[in-house]
Amino acid sequence: MIKIATIEDEENIRQEIVRYIKKGIGSIEGVEVDVYESAERYLLVGGRYDLVISDIELPGISGLELGKNKREQSGCVPRFSNITL
């Protein structure tokens, strides 16, 4: 199972990211995409992911801070991609 988390505070962009991911991997079985509206929600609810796609400019904890925090907590971080639109 490949697990992907997306973190984006704007609903319309969240939907586009998920649509794009599903379009690109729609034929691949065993891929799960979870969506979070904030870094805080991701930290509270999120589990282990193979890839995290995060907006850079989020309310509260930024995407950059999130990557840094995850690395400090566990000593490693999943593949982490920051985006800004």
PDB file of N, CA and C in Angstrom:
ATOM      1  N   MET A   1       0.848  -1.183   0.000  1.00  0.00           N
ATOM      2  CA  MET A   1       0.000   0.000   0.000  1.00  0.00           C
ATOM      3  C   MET A   1       0.889   1.241   0.000  1.00  0.00           C
ATOM      4  N   ILE A   2       0.639   2.136  -0.911  1.00  0.00           N
ATOM      5  CA  ILE A   2       1.316   3.433  -0.963  1.00  0.00           C
ATOM      6  C   ILE A   2       0.367   4.463  -0.382  1.00  0.00           C
ATOM      7  N   LYS A   3       0.838   5.192   0.635  1.00  0.00           N
ATOM      8  CA  LYS A   3      -0.005   6.200   1.284  1.00  0.00           C
ATOM      9  C   LYS A   3       0.531   7.592   0.974  1.00  0.00           C
ATOM     10  N   ILE A   4      -0.380   8.466   0.513  1.00  0.00           N
ATOM     11  CA  ILE A   4      -0.047   9.845   0.178  1.00  0.00           C
ATOM     12  C   ILE A   4      -0.928  10.770   1.006  1.00  0.00           C
ATOM     13  N   ALA A   5      -0.312  11.782   1.615  1.00  0.00           N
ATOM     14  CA  ALA A   5      -1.059  12.806   2.345  1.00  0.00           C
ATOM     15  C   ALA A   5      -0.935  14.119   1.586  1.00  0.00           C
ATOM     16  N   THR A   6      -2.039  14.835   1.474  1.00  0.00           N
ATOM     17  CA  THR A   6      -2.005  16.179   0.906  1.00  0.00           C
ATOM     18  C   THR A   6      -2.493  17.147   1.974  1.00  0.00           C
ATOM     19  N   ILE A   7      -1.794  18.277   2.105  1.00  0.00           N
ATOM     20  CA  ILE A   7      -2.159  19.284   3.102  1.00  0.00           C
ATOM     21  C   ILE A   7      -2.300  20.610   2.381  1.00  0.00           C
ATOM     22  N   GLU A   8      -3.521  21.120   2.347  1.00  0.00           N
ATOM     23  CA  GLU A   8      -3.830  22.363   1.638  1.00  0.00           C
ATOM     24  C   GLU A   8      -5.029  23.009   2.317  1.00  0.00           C
ATOM     25  N   ASP A   9      -4.928  24.300   2.612  1.00  0.00           N
ATOM     26  CA  ASP A   9      -6.011  24.977   3.330  1.00  0.00           C
ATOM     27  C   ASP A   9      -7.138  25.455   2.411  1.00  0.00           C
ATOM     28  N   GLU A  10      -6.899  25.604   1.127  1.00  0.00           N
ATOM     29  CA  GLU A  10      -7.944  26.075   0.208  1.00  0.00           C
ATOM     30  C   GLU A  10      -8.647  24.892  -0.443  1.00  0.00           C
ATOM     31  N   GLU A  11      -9.954  24.801  -0.217  1.00  0.00           N
ATOM     32  CA  GLU A  11     -10.754  23.664  -0.663  1.00  0.00           C
ATOM     33  C   GLU A  11     -10.628  23.397  -2.157  1.00  0.00           C
ATOM     34  N   ASN A  12     -10.726  24.418  -2.987  1.00  0.00           N
ATOM     35  CA  ASN A  12     -10.678  24.197  -4.438  1.00  0.00           C
ATOM     36  C   ASN A  12      -9.316  23.645  -4.881  1.00  0.00           C
ATOM     37  N   ILE A  13      -8.250  24.098  -4.267  1.00  0.00           N
ATOM     38  CA  ILE A  13      -6.919  23.593  -4.613  1.00  0.00           C
ATOM     39  C   ILE A  13      -6.754  22.167  -4.092  1.00  0.00           C
ATOM     40  N   ARG A  14      -7.282  21.891  -2.892  1.00  0.00           N
ATOM     41  CA  ARG A  14      -7.262  20.523  -2.353  1.00  0.00           C
ATOM     42  C   ARG A  14      -7.901  19.555  -3.330  1.00  0.00           C
ATOM     43  N   GLN A  15      -9.067  19.926  -3.834  1.00  0.00           N
ATOM     44  CA  GLN A  15      -9.782  19.064  -4.768  1.00  0.00           C
ATOM     45  C   GLN A  15      -8.993  18.850  -6.052  1.00  0.00           C
ATOM     46  N   GLU A  16      -8.337  19.896  -6.550  1.00  0.00           N
ATOM     47  CA  GLU A  16      -7.538  19.786  -7.772  1.00  0.00           C
ATOM     48  C   GLU A  16      -6.329  18.873  -7.567  1.00  0.00           C
ATOM     49  N   ILE A  17      -5.679  18.986  -6.422  1.00  0.00           N
ATOM     50  CA  ILE A  17      -4.526  18.129  -6.142  1.00  0.00           C
ATOM     51  C   ILE A  17      -4.947  16.665  -6.119  1.00  0.00           C
ATOM     52  N   VAL A  18      -6.027  16.372  -5.419  1.00  0.00           N
ATOM     53  CA  VAL A  18      -6.517  14.993  -5.338  1.00  0.00           C
ATOM     54  C   VAL A  18      -6.929  14.496  -6.719  1.00  0.00           C
ATOM     55  N   ARG A  19      -7.599  15.331  -7.488  1.00  0.00           N
ATOM     56  CA  ARG A  19      -8.021  14.950  -8.837  1.00  0.00           C
ATOM     57  C   ARG A  19      -6.800  14.632  -9.692  1.00  0.00           C
ATOM     58  N   TYR A  20      -5.780  15.456  -9.606  1.00  0.00           N
ATOM     59  CA  TYR A  20      -4.558  15.266 -10.375  1.00  0.00           C
ATOM     60  C   TYR A  20      -3.848  13.971  -9.973  1.00  0.00           C
ATOM     61  N   ILE A  21      -3.760  13.719  -8.676  1.00  0.00           N
ATOM     62  CA  ILE A  21      -3.118  12.492  -8.199  1.00  0.00           C
ATOM     63  C   ILE A  21      -3.887  11.270  -8.689  1.00  0.00           C
ATOM     64  N   LYS A  22      -5.201  11.301  -8.531  1.00  0.00           N
ATOM     65  CA  LYS A  22      -6.013  10.147  -8.938  1.00  0.00           C
ATOM     66  C   LYS A  22      -5.967   9.938 -10.449  1.00  0.00           C
ATOM     67  N   LYS A  23      -5.889  11.014 -11.197  1.00  0.00           N
ATOM     68  CA  LYS A  23      -5.780  10.891 -12.650  1.00  0.00           C
ATOM     69  C   LYS A  23      -4.451  10.229 -13.022  1.00  0.00           C
ATOM     70  N   GLY A  24      -3.392  10.617 -12.336  1.00  0.00           N
ATOM     71  CA  GLY A  24      -2.078  10.073 -12.628  1.00  0.00           C
ATOM     72  C   GLY A  24      -1.877   8.650 -12.158  1.00  0.00           C
ATOM     73  N   ILE A  25      -2.526   8.263 -11.072  1.00  0.00           N
ATOM     74  CA  ILE A  25      -2.319   6.925 -10.516  1.00  0.00           C
ATOM     75  C   ILE A  25      -3.609   6.125 -10.463  1.00  0.00           C
ATOM     76  N   GLY A  26      -4.613   6.588 -11.158  1.00  0.00           N
ATOM     77  CA  GLY A  26      -5.924   5.943 -11.098  1.00  0.00           C
ATOM     78  C   GLY A  26      -5.931   4.470 -11.425  1.00  0.00           C
ATOM     79  N   SER A  27      -5.015   4.041 -12.266  1.00  0.00           N
ATOM     80  CA  SER A  27      -5.006   2.632 -12.656  1.00  0.00           C
ATOM     81  C   SER A  27      -4.119   1.777 -11.742  1.00  0.00           C
ATOM     82  N   ILE A  28      -3.489   2.397 -10.764  1.00  0.00           N
ATOM     83  CA  ILE A  28      -2.607   1.658  -9.861  1.00  0.00           C
ATOM     84  C   ILE A  28      -3.383   1.269  -8.606  1.00  0.00           C
ATOM     85  N   GLU A  29      -3.391  -0.017  -8.321  1.00  0.00           N
ATOM     86  CA  GLU A  29      -4.066  -0.479  -7.104  1.00  0.00           C
ATOM     87  C   GLU A  29      -3.159  -0.283  -5.903  1.00  0.00           C
ATOM     88  N   GLY A  30      -3.753  -0.146  -4.736  1.00  0.00           N
ATOM     89  CA  GLY A  30      -2.976  -0.053  -3.514  1.00  0.00           C
ATOM     90  C   GLY A  30      -2.446   1.328  -3.199  1.00  0.00           C
ATOM     91  N   VAL A  31      -3.091   2.375  -3.730  1.00  0.00           N
ATOM     92  CA  VAL A  31      -2.686   3.750  -3.432  1.00  0.00           C
ATOM     93  C   VAL A  31      -3.818   4.418  -2.668  1.00  0.00           C
ATOM     94  N   GLU A  32      -3.468   5.007  -1.535  1.00  0.00           N
ATOM     95  CA  GLU A  32      -4.453   5.691  -0.695  1.00  0.00           C
ATOM     96  C   GLU A  32      -4.045   7.158  -0.558  1.00  0.00           C
ATOM     97  N   VAL A  33      -5.009   8.062  -0.759  1.00  0.00           N
ATOM     98  CA  VAL A  33      -4.744   9.497  -0.637  1.00  0.00           C
ATOM     99  C   VAL A  33      -5.603  10.054   0.491  1.00  0.00           C
ATOM    100  N   ASP A  34      -4.953  10.662   1.494  1.00  0.00           N
ATOM    101  CA  ASP A  34      -5.660  11.329   2.589  1.00  0.00           C
ATOM    102  C   ASP A  34      -5.454  12.826   2.450  1.00  0.00           C
ATOM    103  N   VAL A  35      -6.477  13.589   2.808  1.00  0.00           N
ATOM    104  CA  VAL A  35      -6.460  15.040   2.632  1.00  0.00           C
ATOM    105  C   VAL A  35      -6.629  15.726   3.985  1.00  0.00           C
ATOM    106  N   TYR A  36      -5.787  16.739   4.228  1.00  0.00           N
ATOM    107  CA  TYR A  36      -5.854  17.514   5.467  1.00  0.00           C
ATOM    108  C   TYR A  36      -5.907  18.995   5.130  1.00  0.00           C
ATOM    109  N   GLU A  37      -6.674  19.754   5.909  1.00  0.00           N
ATOM    110  CA  GLU A  37      -6.822  21.188   5.653  1.00  0.00           C
ATOM    111  C   GLU A  37      -5.794  22.031   6.403  1.00  0.00           C
ATOM    112  N   SER A  38      -5.019  21.404   7.286  1.00  0.00           N
ATOM    113  CA  SER A  38      -3.998  22.144   8.031  1.00  0.00           C
ATOM    114  C   SER A  38      -2.900  21.199   8.488  1.00  0.00           C
ATOM    115  N   ALA A  39      -1.737  21.765   8.765  1.00  0.00           N
ATOM    116  CA  ALA A  39      -0.626  20.977   9.283  1.00  0.00           C
ATOM    117  C   ALA A  39      -0.972  20.434  10.667  1.00  0.00           C
ATOM    118  N   GLU A  40      -1.676  21.223  11.455  1.00  0.00           N
ATOM    119  CA  GLU A  40      -2.073  20.782  12.796  1.00  0.00           C
ATOM    120  C   GLU A  40      -2.963  19.542  12.716  1.00  0.00           C
ATOM    121  N   ARG A  41      -3.892  19.544  11.778  1.00  0.00           N
ATOM    122  CA  ARG A  41      -4.798  18.397  11.607  1.00  0.00           C
ATOM    123  C   ARG A  41      -4.002  17.162  11.170  1.00  0.00           C
ATOM    124  N   TYR A  42      -3.076  17.367  10.255  1.00  0.00           N
ATOM    125  CA  TYR A  42      -2.214  16.272   9.804  1.00  0.00           C
ATOM    126  C   TYR A  42      -1.438  15.673  10.985  1.00  0.00           C
ATOM    127  N   LEU A  43      -0.852  16.528  11.815  1.00  0.00           N
ATOM    128  CA  LEU A  43      -0.087  16.053  12.969  1.00  0.00           C
ATOM    129  C   LEU A  43      -0.972  15.333  13.985  1.00  0.00           C
ATOM    130  N   LEU A  44      -2.211  15.796  14.140  1.00  0.00           N
ATOM    131  CA  LEU A  44      -3.142  15.207  15.095  1.00  0.00           C
ATOM    132  C   LEU A  44      -3.670  13.859  14.618  1.00  0.00           C
ATOM    133  N   VAL A  45      -4.052  13.786  13.364  1.00  0.00           N
ATOM    134  CA  VAL A  45      -4.744  12.618  12.836  1.00  0.00           C
ATOM    135  C   VAL A  45      -3.851  11.728  11.979  1.00  0.00           C
ATOM    136  N   GLY A  46      -2.929  12.347  11.257  1.00  0.00           N
ATOM    137  CA  GLY A  46      -2.144  11.637  10.250  1.00  0.00           C
ATOM    138  C   GLY A  46      -1.346  10.471  10.780  1.00  0.00           C
ATOM    139  N   GLY A  47      -1.141   9.525   9.914  1.00  0.00           N
ATOM    140  CA  GLY A  47      -0.348   8.350  10.255  1.00  0.00           C
ATOM    141  C   GLY A  47       0.976   8.386   9.517  1.00  0.00           C
ATOM    142  N   ARG A  48       1.394   7.245   9.057  1.00  0.00           N
ATOM    143  CA  ARG A  48       2.653   7.129   8.314  1.00  0.00           C
ATOM    144  C   ARG A  48       2.355   7.222   6.818  1.00  0.00           C
ATOM    145  N   TYR A  49       3.143   8.034   6.125  1.00  0.00           N
ATOM    146  CA  TYR A  49       2.935   8.240   4.693  1.00  0.00           C
ATOM    147  C   TYR A  49       4.228   8.045   3.922  1.00  0.00           C
ATOM    148  N   ASP A  50       4.078   7.596   2.696  1.00  0.00           N
ATOM    149  CA  ASP A  50       5.215   7.451   1.791  1.00  0.00           C
ATOM    150  C   ASP A  50       5.544   8.773   1.115  1.00  0.00           C
ATOM    151  N   LEU A  51       4.522   9.615   0.944  1.00  0.00           N
ATOM    152  CA  LEU A  51       4.685  10.918   0.306  1.00  0.00           C
ATOM    153  C   LEU A  51       3.738  11.910   0.954  1.00  0.00           C
ATOM    154  N   VAL A  52       4.260  13.092   1.270  1.00  0.00           N
ATOM    155  CA  VAL A  52       3.435  14.174   1.808  1.00  0.00           C
ATOM    156  C   VAL A  52       3.562  15.362   0.858  1.00  0.00           C
ATOM    157  N   ILE A  53       2.428  15.849   0.369  1.00  0.00           N
ATOM    158  CA  ILE A  53       2.395  17.025  -0.505  1.00  0.00           C
ATOM    159  C   ILE A  53       1.725  18.129   0.295  1.00  0.00           C
ATOM    160  N   SER A  54       2.468  19.191   0.576  1.00  0.00           N
ATOM    161  CA  SER A  54       1.960  20.241   1.449  1.00  0.00           C
ATOM    162  C   SER A  54       2.118  21.619   0.831  1.00  0.00           C
ATOM    163  N   ASP A  55       1.103  22.433   1.027  1.00  0.00           N
ATOM    164  CA  ASP A  55       1.194  23.848   0.697  1.00  0.00           C
ATOM    165  C   ASP A  55       2.278  24.448   1.595  1.00  0.00           C
ATOM    166  N   ILE A  56       2.980  25.432   1.104  1.00  0.00           N
ATOM    167  CA  ILE A  56       3.989  26.108   1.920  1.00  0.00           C
ATOM    168  C   ILE A  56       3.318  27.066   2.893  1.00  0.00           C
ATOM    169  N   GLU A  57       2.392  27.862   2.379  1.00  0.00           N
ATOM    170  CA  GLU A  57       1.737  28.888   3.189  1.00  0.00           C
ATOM    171  C   GLU A  57       0.423  28.368   3.747  1.00  0.00           C
ATOM    172  N   LEU A  58       0.500  27.844   4.962  1.00  0.00           N
ATOM    173  CA  LEU A  58      -0.674  27.351   5.671  1.00  0.00           C
ATOM    174  C   LEU A  58      -0.902  28.212   6.905  1.00  0.00           C
ATOM    175  N   PRO A  59      -2.144  28.348   7.348  1.00  0.00           N
ATOM    176  CA  PRO A  59      -2.362  29.050   8.612  1.00  0.00           C
ATOM    177  C   PRO A  59      -1.767  28.225   9.753  1.00  0.00           C
ATOM    178  N   GLY A  60      -1.206  28.874  10.733  1.00  0.00           N
ATOM    179  CA  GLY A  60      -0.582  28.137  11.835  1.00  0.00           C
ATOM    180  C   GLY A  60       0.788  27.652  11.415  1.00  0.00           C
ATOM    181  N   ILE A  61       0.992  26.348  11.463  1.00  0.00           N
ATOM    182  CA  ILE A  61       2.276  25.757  11.087  1.00  0.00           C
ATOM    183  C   ILE A  61       2.397  25.736   9.567  1.00  0.00           C
ATOM    184  N   SER A  62       3.489  26.294   9.034  1.00  0.00           N
ATOM    185  CA  SER A  62       3.679  26.308   7.580  1.00  0.00           C
ATOM    186  C   SER A  62       4.133  24.927   7.106  1.00  0.00           C
ATOM    187  N   GLY A  63       4.052  24.705   5.812  1.00  0.00           N
ATOM    188  CA  GLY A  63       4.516  23.455   5.238  1.00  0.00           C
ATOM    189  C   GLY A  63       5.997  23.220   5.484  1.00  0.00           C
ATOM    190  N   LEU A  64       6.788  24.289   5.430  1.00  0.00           N
ATOM    191  CA  LEU A  64       8.220  24.162   5.688  1.00  0.00           C
ATOM    192  C   LEU A  64       8.485  23.773   7.139  1.00  0.00           C
ATOM    193  N   GLU A  65       7.775  24.412   8.068  1.00  0.00           N
ATOM    194  CA  GLU A  65       7.923  24.075   9.489  1.00  0.00           C
ATOM    195  C   GLU A  65       7.486  22.634   9.758  1.00  0.00           C
ATOM    196  N   LEU A  66       6.451  22.201   9.072  1.00  0.00           N
ATOM    197  CA  LEU A  66       5.948  20.840   9.246  1.00  0.00           C
ATOM    198  C   LEU A  66       7.015  19.820   8.876  1.00  0.00           C
ATOM    199  N   GLY A  67       7.656  19.996   7.729  1.00  0.00           N
ATOM    200  CA  GLY A  67       8.719  19.085   7.326  1.00  0.00           C
ATOM    201  C   GLY A  67       9.854  19.056   8.330  1.00  0.00           C
ATOM    202  N   LYS A  68      10.231  20.237   8.799  1.00  0.00           N
ATOM    203  CA  LYS A  68      11.311  20.337   9.791  1.00  0.00           C
ATOM    204  C   LYS A  68      10.908  19.638  11.095  1.00  0.00           C
ATOM    205  N   ASN A  69       9.676  19.861  11.562  1.00  0.00           N
ATOM    206  CA  ASN A  69       9.198  19.237  12.801  1.00  0.00           C
ATOM    207  C   ASN A  69       9.176  17.719  12.695  1.00  0.00           C
ATOM    208  N   LYS A  70       8.706  17.196  11.553  1.00  0.00           N
ATOM    209  CA  LYS A  70       8.644  15.747  11.372  1.00  0.00           C
ATOM    210  C   LYS A  70      10.049  15.143  11.394  1.00  0.00           C
ATOM    211  N   ARG A  71      10.991  15.819  10.769  1.00  0.00           N
ATOM    212  CA  ARG A  71      12.372  15.334  10.732  1.00  0.00           C
ATOM    213  C   ARG A  71      12.968  15.329  12.147  1.00  0.00           C
ATOM    214  N   GLU A  72      12.704  16.383  12.922  1.00  0.00           N
ATOM    215  CA  GLU A  72      13.237  16.476  14.286  1.00  0.00           C
ATOM    216  C   GLU A  72      12.612  15.431  15.201  1.00  0.00           C
ATOM    217  N   GLN A  73      11.314  15.153  15.016  1.00  0.00           N
ATOM    218  CA  GLN A  73      10.620  14.193  15.864  1.00  0.00           C
ATOM    219  C   GLN A  73      11.097  12.771  15.635  1.00  0.00           C
ATOM    220  N   SER A  74      11.244  12.397  14.381  1.00  0.00           N
ATOM    221  CA  SER A  74      11.520  10.993  14.076  1.00  0.00           C
ATOM    222  C   SER A  74      12.919  10.732  13.537  1.00  0.00           C
ATOM    223  N   GLY A  75      13.654  11.772  13.240  1.00  0.00           N
ATOM    224  CA  GLY A  75      14.975  11.582  12.661  1.00  0.00           C
ATOM    225  C   GLY A  75      14.933  11.330  11.167  1.00  0.00           C
ATOM    226  N   CYS A  76      13.745  11.142  10.644  1.00  0.00           N
ATOM    227  CA  CYS A  76      13.582  10.981   9.198  1.00  0.00           C
ATOM    228  C   CYS A  76      12.215  11.549   8.834  1.00  0.00           C
ATOM    229  N   VAL A  77      11.991  11.716   7.579  1.00  0.00           N
ATOM    230  CA  VAL A  77      10.729  12.275   7.114  1.00  0.00           C
ATOM    231  C   VAL A  77      10.375  11.579   5.812  1.00  0.00           C
ATOM    232  N   PRO A  78       9.076  11.355   5.553  1.00  0.00           N
ATOM    233  CA  PRO A  78       8.729  10.753   4.264  1.00  0.00           C
ATOM    234  C   PRO A  78       9.108  11.715   3.137  1.00  0.00           C
ATOM    235  N   ARG A  79       9.064  11.245   1.927  1.00  0.00           N
ATOM    236  CA  ARG A  79       9.284  12.168   0.810  1.00  0.00           C
ATOM    237  C   ARG A  79       8.293  13.310   0.993  1.00  0.00           C
ATOM    238  N   PHE A  80       8.822  14.507   1.045  1.00  0.00           N
ATOM    239  CA  PHE A  80       8.023  15.673   1.402  1.00  0.00           C
ATOM    240  C   PHE A  80       8.143  16.708   0.301  1.00  0.00           C
ATOM    241  N   SER A  81       7.024  17.079  -0.280  1.00  0.00           N
ATOM    242  CA  SER A  81       7.019  18.051  -1.368  1.00  0.00           C
ATOM    243  C   SER A  81       6.190  19.254  -0.945  1.00  0.00           C
ATOM    244  N   ASN A  82       6.798  20.433  -0.987  1.00  0.00           N
ATOM    245  CA  ASN A  82       6.075  21.665  -0.683  1.00  0.00           C
ATOM    246  C   ASN A  82       5.681  22.333  -1.987  1.00  0.00           C
ATOM    247  N   ILE A  83       4.448  22.839  -2.013  1.00  0.00           N
ATOM    248  CA  ILE A  83       3.956  23.537  -3.196  1.00  0.00           C
ATOM    249  C   ILE A  83       3.375  24.876  -2.790  1.00  0.00           C
ATOM    250  N   THR A  84       3.321  25.778  -3.717  1.00  0.00           N
ATOM    251  CA  THR A  84       2.602  27.027  -3.520  1.00  0.00           C
ATOM    252  C   THR A  84       1.972  27.397  -4.847  1.00  0.00           C
ATOM    253  N   LEU A  85       0.725  27.769  -4.793  1.00  0.00           N
ATOM    254  CA  LEU A  85      -0.006  28.125  -6.011  1.00  0.00           C
ATOM    255  C   LEU A  85      -0.516  29.539  -5.920  1.00  0.00           C
TER     256      LEU A  85
END
